[in-house]
Amino acid sequence: MRAIWDQIGTLVLAVIIALGVRACVIEPFRIPSGSMLPTLLIGDHLFVNRFIYGIKIPFTDYRLPGLREPQRGDVVVFTVARDPSRGEGPGSVYPADRRPELPTESFVKRIVGMPGDVIEVHDDVVSVNGKPVEQQPTGDTFLDPRGLAFQVEREKIDGREHLTLHDPRDSGKDGAWRVEPGRYLMMGDNRDQSFDSRYWGTVREAEFKGPAFVIYWSWDFRGSWLSMLNPLTWWDLLMHRMRWSRIGSSVT
């Protein structure tokens, strides 16, 4: 009988340690949509650094001192509380306290606007405090899972470079936003196909889980999970669905 209780105690301790690691050190996150293409692909699985901005004290908005502050260009996983108010229509800009009901509570986007910034977007050109962000067409095109072609541009913001997608059929949402103190304006790299701060408002730092830093798993799997029970599908998954070259890649 004592041996059984020892095993239960060991299991409980393991669960507590796992939950502690998830809450304070690293947390996995799966990319469910194409809003961060081409940086992050649907089916990428990431690790999120939970301590670099400071460990959040449970049930509060307070954090312990971190290694550094959030920076422009960081790719951050964050939560957005659901709001039963749907605002004034799908094209509205929602104040932070009147966000529409969102399809999920966790998102991954890039920090574009820092506290106090004025961010403007016109014809796919992003300006920070009146200065256009450096954008250079690469001449490449990117096909999304639907087969639609997007133009690829190289964007440089605060000395950090990354790729963005632009839809020649739709220039996305234009406008100007002033970022409140303690808040950040988040945008997807798939600029014209991203539901982000341009639509539902800025994000409090307290809502940040942390920056994504590495891809630990990636596959292009769109079938039923039940199909994985069939051993005949395993070879196809390993050889044709796995994105081996992305595993271990850093997120920048």
C-alpha atoms as a PDB file:
ATOM      1  CA  MET A   1       0.000   0.000   0.000  1.00  0.00           C
ATOM      2  CA  ARG A   2       2.841   2.347   0.875  1.00  0.00           C
ATOM      3  CA  ALA A   3       4.440   1.709  -2.503  1.00  0.00           C
ATOM      4  CA  ILE A   4       1.238   2.838  -4.226  1.00  0.00           C
ATOM      5  CA  TRP A   5       1.158   6.071  -2.231  1.00  0.00           C
ATOM      6  CA  ASP A   6       4.846   6.639  -3.035  1.00  0.00           C
ATOM      7  CA  GLN A   7       4.048   6.316  -6.748  1.00  0.00           C
ATOM      8  CA  ILE A   8       1.103   8.706  -6.436  1.00  0.00           C
ATOM      9  CA  GLY A   9       3.305  11.206  -4.599  1.00  0.00           C
ATOM     10  CA  THR A  10       5.965  10.961  -7.300  1.00  0.00           C
ATOM     11  CA  LEU A  11       3.348  11.514 -10.012  1.00  0.00           C
ATOM     12  CA  VAL A  12       1.888  14.541  -8.216  1.00  0.00           C
ATOM     13  CA  LEU A  13       5.372  16.016  -7.768  1.00  0.00           C
ATOM     14  CA  ALA A  14       6.124  15.492 -11.467  1.00  0.00           C
ATOM     15  CA  VAL A  15       2.893  17.258 -12.430  1.00  0.00           C
ATOM     16  CA  ILE A  16       3.688  20.183 -10.120  1.00  0.00           C
ATOM     17  CA  ILE A  17       7.194  20.502 -11.588  1.00  0.00           C
ATOM     18  CA  ALA A  18       5.821  20.343 -15.154  1.00  0.00           C
ATOM     19  CA  LEU A  19       3.245  23.033 -14.412  1.00  0.00           C
ATOM     20  CA  GLY A  20       5.921  25.171 -12.786  1.00  0.00           C
ATOM     21  CA  VAL A  21       8.188  24.865 -15.826  1.00  0.00           C
ATOM     22  CA  ARG A  22       5.288  25.781 -18.118  1.00  0.00           C
ATOM     23  CA  ALA A  23       4.335  28.798 -16.014  1.00  0.00           C
ATOM     24  CA  CYS A  24       7.818  30.131 -15.298  1.00  0.00           C
ATOM     25  CA  VAL A  25      10.353  28.832 -17.826  1.00  0.00           C
ATOM     26  CA  ILE A  26       9.072  27.697 -21.233  1.00  0.00           C
ATOM     27  CA  GLU A  27       5.656  27.049 -22.741  1.00  0.00           C
ATOM     28  CA  PRO A  28       4.795  25.315 -26.030  1.00  0.00           C
ATOM     29  CA  PHE A  29       2.625  27.059 -28.597  1.00  0.00           C
ATOM     30  CA  ARG A  30       1.230  25.816 -31.913  1.00  0.00           C
ATOM     31  CA  ILE A  31       0.734  28.117 -34.913  1.00  0.00           C
ATOM     32  CA  PRO A  32      -2.918  27.697 -35.981  1.00  0.00           C
ATOM     33  CA  SER A  33      -3.196  30.320 -38.732  1.00  0.00           C
ATOM     34  CA  GLY A  34      -1.261  32.108 -41.451  1.00  0.00           C
ATOM     35  CA  SER A  35      -1.189  35.580 -39.882  1.00  0.00           C
ATOM     36  CA  MET A  36       2.588  35.384 -39.274  1.00  0.00           C
ATOM     37  CA  LEU A  37       3.557  34.023 -42.700  1.00  0.00           C
ATOM     38  CA  PRO A  38       6.271  33.764 -43.949  1.00  0.00           C
ATOM     39  CA  THR A  39       8.069  33.908 -40.573  1.00  0.00           C
ATOM     40  CA  LEU A  40       5.889  31.233 -38.966  1.00  0.00           C
ATOM     41  CA  LEU A  41       4.040  28.527 -40.883  1.00  0.00           C
ATOM     42  CA  ILE A  42       0.796  26.807 -39.973  1.00  0.00           C
ATOM     43  CA  GLY A  43       1.839  23.700 -38.057  1.00  0.00           C
ATOM     44  CA  ASP A  44       4.983  25.194 -36.503  1.00  0.00           C
ATOM     45  CA  HIS A  45       5.316  24.370 -32.806  1.00  0.00           C
ATOM     46  CA  LEU A  46       7.267  26.915 -30.751  1.00  0.00           C
ATOM     47  CA  PHE A  47       8.777  27.296 -27.340  1.00  0.00           C
ATOM     48  CA  VAL A  48       7.967  30.568 -25.551  1.00  0.00           C
ATOM     49  CA  ASN A  49      10.408  32.114 -23.078  1.00  0.00           C
ATOM     50  CA  ARG A  50       8.289  32.793 -19.994  1.00  0.00           C
ATOM     51  CA  PHE A  51      10.967  34.440 -17.819  1.00  0.00           C
ATOM     52  CA  ILE A  52      12.862  36.879 -20.051  1.00  0.00           C
ATOM     53  CA  TYR A  53      10.305  39.674 -19.501  1.00  0.00           C
ATOM     54  CA  GLY A  54       9.887  38.630 -15.870  1.00  0.00           C
ATOM     55  CA  ILE A  55       7.826  35.844 -14.333  1.00  0.00           C
ATOM     56  CA  LYS A  56       4.226  36.900 -13.879  1.00  0.00           C
ATOM     57  CA  ILE A  57       2.788  36.484 -10.393  1.00  0.00           C
ATOM     58  CA  PRO A  58      -0.355  34.309 -10.707  1.00  0.00           C
ATOM     59  CA  PHE A  59      -3.738  36.063 -10.544  1.00  0.00           C
ATOM     60  CA  THR A  60      -2.119  39.514 -10.721  1.00  0.00           C
ATOM     61  CA  ASP A  61      -0.745  41.882 -13.380  1.00  0.00           C
ATOM     62  CA  TYR A  62       2.629  42.072 -11.634  1.00  0.00           C
ATOM     63  CA  ARG A  63       5.890  40.568 -12.831  1.00  0.00           C
ATOM     64  CA  LEU A  64       9.161  39.814 -11.123  1.00  0.00           C
ATOM     65  CA  PRO A  65      12.181  41.629 -12.617  1.00  0.00           C
ATOM     66  CA  GLY A  66      13.117  40.136 -15.978  1.00  0.00           C
ATOM     67  CA  LEU A  67      16.269  39.981 -18.060  1.00  0.00           C
ATOM     68  CA  ARG A  68      15.085  42.719 -20.425  1.00  0.00           C
ATOM     69  CA  GLU A  69      12.079  44.770 -21.497  1.00  0.00           C
ATOM     70  CA  PRO A  70       9.987  43.947 -24.586  1.00  0.00           C
ATOM     71  CA  GLN A  71      11.580  45.381 -27.721  1.00  0.00           C
ATOM     72  CA  ARG A  72      10.235  46.463 -31.081  1.00  0.00           C
ATOM     73  CA  GLY A  73      10.477  43.531 -33.454  1.00  0.00           C
ATOM     74  CA  ASP A  74      10.007  40.827 -30.804  1.00  0.00           C
ATOM     75  CA  VAL A  75       7.693  37.980 -31.842  1.00  0.00           C
ATOM     76  CA  VAL A  76       5.505  37.605 -28.763  1.00  0.00           C
ATOM     77  CA  VAL A  77       2.857  35.143 -27.610  1.00  0.00           C
ATOM     78  CA  PHE A  78       0.179  36.867 -25.557  1.00  0.00           C
ATOM     79  CA  THR A  79      -3.366  36.446 -24.316  1.00  0.00           C
ATOM     80  CA  VAL A  80      -6.365  38.612 -25.074  1.00  0.00           C
ATOM     81  CA  ALA A  81      -9.348  38.294 -22.772  1.00  0.00           C
ATOM     82  CA  ARG A  82     -12.619  37.477 -24.484  1.00  0.00           C
ATOM     83  CA  ASP A  83     -15.175  40.272 -24.593  1.00  0.00           C
ATOM     84  CA  PRO A  84     -18.856  39.576 -25.269  1.00  0.00           C
ATOM     85  CA  SER A  85     -19.205  43.020 -26.855  1.00  0.00           C
ATOM     86  CA  ARG A  86     -18.744  42.844 -30.608  1.00  0.00           C
ATOM     87  CA  GLY A  87     -18.250  46.555 -31.053  1.00  0.00           C
ATOM     88  CA  GLU A  88     -19.741  48.388 -33.991  1.00  0.00           C
ATOM     89  CA  GLY A  89     -18.961  46.134 -36.908  1.00  0.00           C
ATOM     90  CA  PRO A  90     -16.174  44.022 -38.399  1.00  0.00           C
ATOM     91  CA  GLY A  91     -14.280  47.048 -39.700  1.00  0.00           C
ATOM     92  CA  SER A  92     -14.235  48.959 -36.444  1.00  0.00           C
ATOM     93  CA  VAL A  93     -11.196  49.745 -34.333  1.00  0.00           C
ATOM     94  CA  TYR A  94     -12.009  48.513 -30.859  1.00  0.00           C
ATOM     95  CA  PRO A  95     -10.801  50.220 -27.680  1.00  0.00           C
ATOM     96  CA  ALA A  96      -8.928  47.868 -25.365  1.00  0.00           C
ATOM     97  CA  ASP A  97     -11.971  47.504 -23.109  1.00  0.00           C
ATOM     98  CA  ARG A  98     -14.409  46.822 -25.985  1.00  0.00           C
ATOM     99  CA  ARG A  99     -12.720  44.119 -28.011  1.00  0.00           C
ATOM    100  CA  PRO A 100     -14.893  41.787 -30.055  1.00  0.00           C
ATOM    101  CA  GLU A 101     -15.199  38.144 -29.139  1.00  0.00           C
ATOM    102  CA  LEU A 102     -12.021  36.621 -30.536  1.00  0.00           C
ATOM    103  CA  PRO A 103     -11.616  33.101 -31.926  1.00  0.00           C
ATOM    104  CA  THR A 104      -8.866  32.243 -29.434  1.00  0.00           C
ATOM    105  CA  GLU A 105      -7.351  33.651 -26.263  1.00  0.00           C
ATOM    106  CA  SER A 106      -3.689  33.285 -27.291  1.00  0.00           C
ATOM    107  CA  PHE A 107      -2.027  34.987 -30.230  1.00  0.00           C
ATOM    108  CA  VAL A 108       1.458  35.410 -31.666  1.00  0.00           C
ATOM    109  CA  LYS A 109       2.334  38.710 -33.347  1.00  0.00           C
ATOM    110  CA  ARG A 110       5.284  41.070 -33.734  1.00  0.00           C
ATOM    111  CA  ILE A 111       5.731  44.202 -31.636  1.00  0.00           C
ATOM    112  CA  VAL A 112       5.550  47.188 -33.994  1.00  0.00           C
ATOM    113  CA  GLY A 113       4.377  49.977 -31.695  1.00  0.00           C
ATOM    114  CA  MET A 114       6.007  50.735 -28.338  1.00  0.00           C
ATOM    115  CA  PRO A 115       4.376  52.740 -25.520  1.00  0.00           C
ATOM    116  CA  GLY A 116       3.962  56.367 -26.617  1.00  0.00           C
ATOM    117  CA  ASP A 117       4.447  55.663 -30.339  1.00  0.00           C
ATOM    118  CA  VAL A 118       2.205  56.834 -33.142  1.00  0.00           C
ATOM    119  CA  ILE A 119       1.873  54.084 -35.761  1.00  0.00           C
ATOM    120  CA  GLU A 120       0.489  54.815 -39.221  1.00  0.00           C
ATOM    121  CA  VAL A 121      -0.278  52.351 -42.016  1.00  0.00           C
ATOM    122  CA  HIS A 122      -1.089  53.584 -45.516  1.00  0.00           C
ATOM    123  CA  ASP A 123      -0.940  51.440 -48.661  1.00  0.00           C
ATOM    124  CA  ASP A 124       1.060  48.753 -46.818  1.00  0.00           C
ATOM    125  CA  VAL A 125       3.692  51.267 -45.665  1.00  0.00           C
ATOM    126  CA  VAL A 126       4.206  51.325 -41.882  1.00  0.00           C
ATOM    127  CA  SER A 127       5.438  54.543 -40.261  1.00  0.00           C
ATOM    128  CA  VAL A 128       6.678  54.868 -36.683  1.00  0.00           C
ATOM    129  CA  ASN A 129       6.404  58.389 -35.271  1.00  0.00           C
ATOM    130  CA  GLY A 130       6.227  59.828 -38.775  1.00  0.00           C
ATOM    131  CA  LYS A 131       9.194  57.878 -40.156  1.00  0.00           C
ATOM    132  CA  PRO A 132       8.448  55.139 -42.719  1.00  0.00           C
ATOM    133  CA  VAL A 133       9.850  51.731 -41.863  1.00  0.00           C
ATOM    134  CA  GLU A 134      12.452  50.538 -44.366  1.00  0.00           C
ATOM    135  CA  GLN A 135      10.857  48.030 -46.759  1.00  0.00           C
ATOM    136  CA  GLN A 136      12.571  46.391 -49.727  1.00  0.00           C
ATOM    137  CA  PRO A 137      10.814  44.085 -52.233  1.00  0.00           C
ATOM    138  CA  THR A 138      12.667  40.787 -52.616  1.00  0.00           C
ATOM    139  CA  GLY A 139      11.139  39.960 -55.988  1.00  0.00           C
ATOM    140  CA  ASP A 140       9.906  36.651 -54.574  1.00  0.00           C
ATOM    141  CA  THR A 141       6.343  35.410 -54.269  1.00  0.00           C
ATOM    142  CA  PHE A 142       4.896  33.210 -51.544  1.00  0.00           C
ATOM    143  CA  LEU A 143       2.013  30.777 -52.041  1.00  0.00           C
ATOM    144  CA  ASP A 144      -0.191  30.325 -48.993  1.00  0.00           C
ATOM    145  CA  PRO A 145      -2.063  27.050 -48.253  1.00  0.00           C
ATOM    146  CA  ARG A 146      -4.948  28.270 -50.426  1.00  0.00           C
ATOM    147  CA  GLY A 147      -2.638  28.741 -53.403  1.00  0.00           C
ATOM    148  CA  LEU A 148      -2.860  32.555 -53.328  1.00  0.00           C
ATOM    149  CA  ALA A 149       0.303  34.457 -54.290  1.00  0.00           C
ATOM    150  CA  PHE A 150       1.733  37.170 -52.034  1.00  0.00           C
ATOM    151  CA  GLN A 151       4.615  39.571 -52.560  1.00  0.00           C
ATOM    152  CA  VAL A 152       7.551  39.106 -50.178  1.00  0.00           C
ATOM    153  CA  GLU A 153       9.284  42.168 -48.741  1.00  0.00           C
ATOM    154  CA  ARG A 154      12.223  42.544 -46.395  1.00  0.00           C
ATOM    155  CA  GLU A 155      11.429  44.919 -43.542  1.00  0.00           C
ATOM    156  CA  LYS A 156      13.995  46.537 -41.264  1.00  0.00           C
ATOM    157  CA  ILE A 157      12.766  48.031 -38.018  1.00  0.00           C
ATOM    158  CA  ASP A 158      15.105  49.278 -35.290  1.00  0.00           C
ATOM    159  CA  GLY A 159      17.962  47.429 -36.977  1.00  0.00           C
ATOM    160  CA  ARG A 160      16.151  44.082 -36.999  1.00  0.00           C
ATOM    161  CA  GLU A 161      15.209  42.460 -40.306  1.00  0.00           C
ATOM    162  CA  HIS A 162      12.371  40.080 -41.096  1.00  0.00           C
ATOM    163  CA  LEU A 163      10.185  39.159 -44.058  1.00  0.00           C
ATOM    164  CA  THR A 164       6.599  40.297 -44.549  1.00  0.00           C
ATOM    165  CA  LEU A 165       3.863  39.348 -46.999  1.00  0.00           C
ATOM    166  CA  HIS A 166       1.719  41.788 -48.947  1.00  0.00           C
ATOM    167  CA  ASP A 167      -1.446  40.948 -50.845  1.00  0.00           C
ATOM    168  CA  PRO A 168      -1.615  42.703 -54.248  1.00  0.00           C
ATOM    169  CA  ARG A 169      -5.391  42.138 -54.176  1.00  0.00           C
ATOM    170  CA  ASP A 170      -5.982  43.827 -50.807  1.00  0.00           C
ATOM    171  CA  SER A 171      -3.944  46.556 -49.087  1.00  0.00           C
ATOM    172  CA  GLY A 172      -5.273  45.627 -45.649  1.00  0.00           C
ATOM    173  CA  LYS A 173      -6.336  48.062 -42.959  1.00  0.00           C
ATOM    174  CA  ASP A 174      -5.017  51.635 -43.081  1.00  0.00           C
ATOM    175  CA  GLY A 175      -5.131  54.063 -40.191  1.00  0.00           C
ATOM    176  CA  ALA A 176      -3.212  55.744 -37.394  1.00  0.00           C
ATOM    177  CA  TRP A 177      -2.937  54.583 -33.792  1.00  0.00           C
ATOM    178  CA  ARG A 178      -1.396  56.166 -30.706  1.00  0.00           C
ATOM    179  CA  VAL A 179      -0.030  53.536 -28.335  1.00  0.00           C
ATOM    180  CA  GLU A 180      -0.972  54.158 -24.716  1.00  0.00           C
ATOM    181  CA  PRO A 181       1.577  53.924 -21.867  1.00  0.00           C
ATOM    182  CA  GLY A 182       2.155  50.347 -20.788  1.00  0.00           C
ATOM    183  CA  ARG A 183       0.705  48.967 -24.023  1.00  0.00           C
ATOM    184  CA  TYR A 184       2.037  47.650 -27.335  1.00  0.00           C
ATOM    185  CA  LEU A 185       0.717  47.578 -30.892  1.00  0.00           C
ATOM    186  CA  MET A 186       1.019  44.086 -32.361  1.00  0.00           C
ATOM    187  CA  MET A 187       0.935  43.195 -36.066  1.00  0.00           C
ATOM    188  CA  GLY A 188       1.236  39.987 -38.054  1.00  0.00           C
ATOM    189  CA  ASP A 189       3.939  39.635 -40.694  1.00  0.00           C
ATOM    190  CA  ASN A 190       1.216  38.617 -43.165  1.00  0.00           C
ATOM    191  CA  ARG A 191       0.193  42.258 -43.142  1.00  0.00           C
ATOM    192  CA  ASP A 192      -2.970  42.109 -45.224  1.00  0.00           C
ATOM    193  CA  GLN A 193      -4.254  38.845 -43.747  1.00  0.00           C
ATOM    194  CA  SER A 194      -3.706  39.411 -40.030  1.00  0.00           C
ATOM    195  CA  PHE A 195      -6.349  40.118 -37.383  1.00  0.00           C
ATOM    196  CA  ASP A 196      -4.273  42.181 -34.957  1.00  0.00           C
ATOM    197  CA  SER A 197      -4.037  45.433 -32.976  1.00  0.00           C
ATOM    198  CA  ARG A 198      -5.242  47.415 -35.975  1.00  0.00           C
ATOM    199  CA  TYR A 199      -8.639  45.797 -35.426  1.00  0.00           C
ATOM    200  CA  TRP A 200      -8.951  45.044 -31.707  1.00  0.00           C
ATOM    201  CA  GLY A 201      -6.632  47.425 -29.926  1.00  0.00           C
ATOM    202  CA  THR A 202      -3.292  47.490 -28.177  1.00  0.00           C
ATOM    203  CA  VAL A 203      -2.011  44.872 -25.736  1.00  0.00           C
ATOM    204  CA  ARG A 204      -0.970  45.377 -22.136  1.00  0.00           C
ATOM    205  CA  GLU A 205       2.477  44.106 -21.168  1.00  0.00           C
ATOM    206  CA  ALA A 206       0.748  42.128 -18.415  1.00  0.00           C
ATOM    207  CA  GLU A 207      -0.891  40.060 -21.179  1.00  0.00           C
ATOM    208  CA  PHE A 208       2.472  38.981 -22.638  1.00  0.00           C
ATOM    209  CA  LYS A 209       3.456  35.367 -22.062  1.00  0.00           C
ATOM    210  CA  GLY A 210       6.866  35.930 -23.609  1.00  0.00           C
ATOM    211  CA  PRO A 211       8.813  35.953 -26.873  1.00  0.00           C
ATOM    212  CA  ALA A 212       8.878  32.880 -29.108  1.00  0.00           C
ATOM    213  CA  PHE A 213      12.473  31.759 -29.521  1.00  0.00           C
ATOM    214  CA  VAL A 214      12.734  28.357 -31.249  1.00  0.00           C
ATOM    215  CA  ILE A 215      10.726  25.974 -33.440  1.00  0.00           C
ATOM    216  CA  TYR A 216      10.871  22.507 -31.881  1.00  0.00           C
ATOM    217  CA  TRP A 217       8.469  20.756 -34.275  1.00  0.00           C
ATOM    218  CA  SER A 218       6.916  21.552 -37.634  1.00  0.00           C
ATOM    219  CA  TRP A 219       4.702  19.650 -40.000  1.00  0.00           C
ATOM    220  CA  ASP A 220       2.168  20.266 -42.732  1.00  0.00           C
ATOM    221  CA  PHE A 221      -0.627  18.089 -41.387  1.00  0.00           C
ATOM    222  CA  ARG A 222      -4.191  18.937 -42.371  1.00  0.00           C
ATOM    223  CA  GLY A 223      -5.944  15.604 -42.078  1.00  0.00           C
ATOM    224  CA  SER A 224      -7.929  13.997 -39.302  1.00  0.00           C
ATOM    225  CA  TRP A 225      -6.043  13.023 -36.176  1.00  0.00           C
ATOM    226  CA  LEU A 226      -7.750   9.633 -36.431  1.00  0.00           C
ATOM    227  CA  SER A 227      -5.808   9.000 -39.641  1.00  0.00           C
ATOM    228  CA  MET A 228      -2.612   8.923 -37.584  1.00  0.00           C
ATOM    229  CA  LEU A 229      -3.798   5.672 -36.019  1.00  0.00           C
ATOM    230  CA  ASN A 230      -3.259   4.009 -39.395  1.00  0.00           C
ATOM    231  CA  PRO A 231       0.394   2.844 -39.631  1.00  0.00           C
ATOM    232  CA  LEU A 232       0.190   3.137 -43.420  1.00  0.00           C
ATOM    233  CA  THR A 233       0.129   6.944 -43.074  1.00  0.00           C
ATOM    234  CA  TRP A 234       3.236   7.191 -40.897  1.00  0.00           C
ATOM    235  CA  TRP A 235       5.733   7.029 -43.762  1.00  0.00           C
ATOM    236  CA  ASP A 236       3.956   9.844 -45.598  1.00  0.00           C
ATOM    237  CA  LEU A 237       3.901  11.950 -42.425  1.00  0.00           C
ATOM    238  CA  LEU A 238       7.610  11.465 -41.779  1.00  0.00           C
ATOM    239  CA  MET A 239       8.836  11.872 -45.350  1.00  0.00           C
ATOM    240  CA  HIS A 240       6.400  14.350 -46.894  1.00  0.00           C
ATOM    241  CA  ARG A 241       4.637  16.227 -44.094  1.00  0.00           C
ATOM    242  CA  MET A 242       7.452  16.883 -41.654  1.00  0.00           C
ATOM    243  CA  ARG A 243       9.397  20.123 -42.201  1.00  0.00           C
ATOM    244  CA  TRP A 244      12.712  18.807 -40.935  1.00  0.00           C
ATOM    245  CA  SER A 245      14.654  21.911 -41.985  1.00  0.00           C
ATOM    246  CA  ARG A 246      12.577  24.119 -39.668  1.00  0.00           C
ATOM    247  CA  ILE A 247      13.113  22.076 -36.506  1.00  0.00           C
ATOM    248  CA  GLY A 248      15.569  23.915 -34.262  1.00  0.00           C
ATOM    249  CA  SER A 249      15.235  27.202 -36.180  1.00  0.00           C
ATOM    250  CA  SER A 250      15.242  30.371 -34.112  1.00  0.00           C
ATOM    251  CA  VAL A 251      12.292  32.768 -34.309  1.00  0.00           C
ATOM    252  CA  THR A 252      13.349  36.273 -35.346  1.00  0.00           C
END
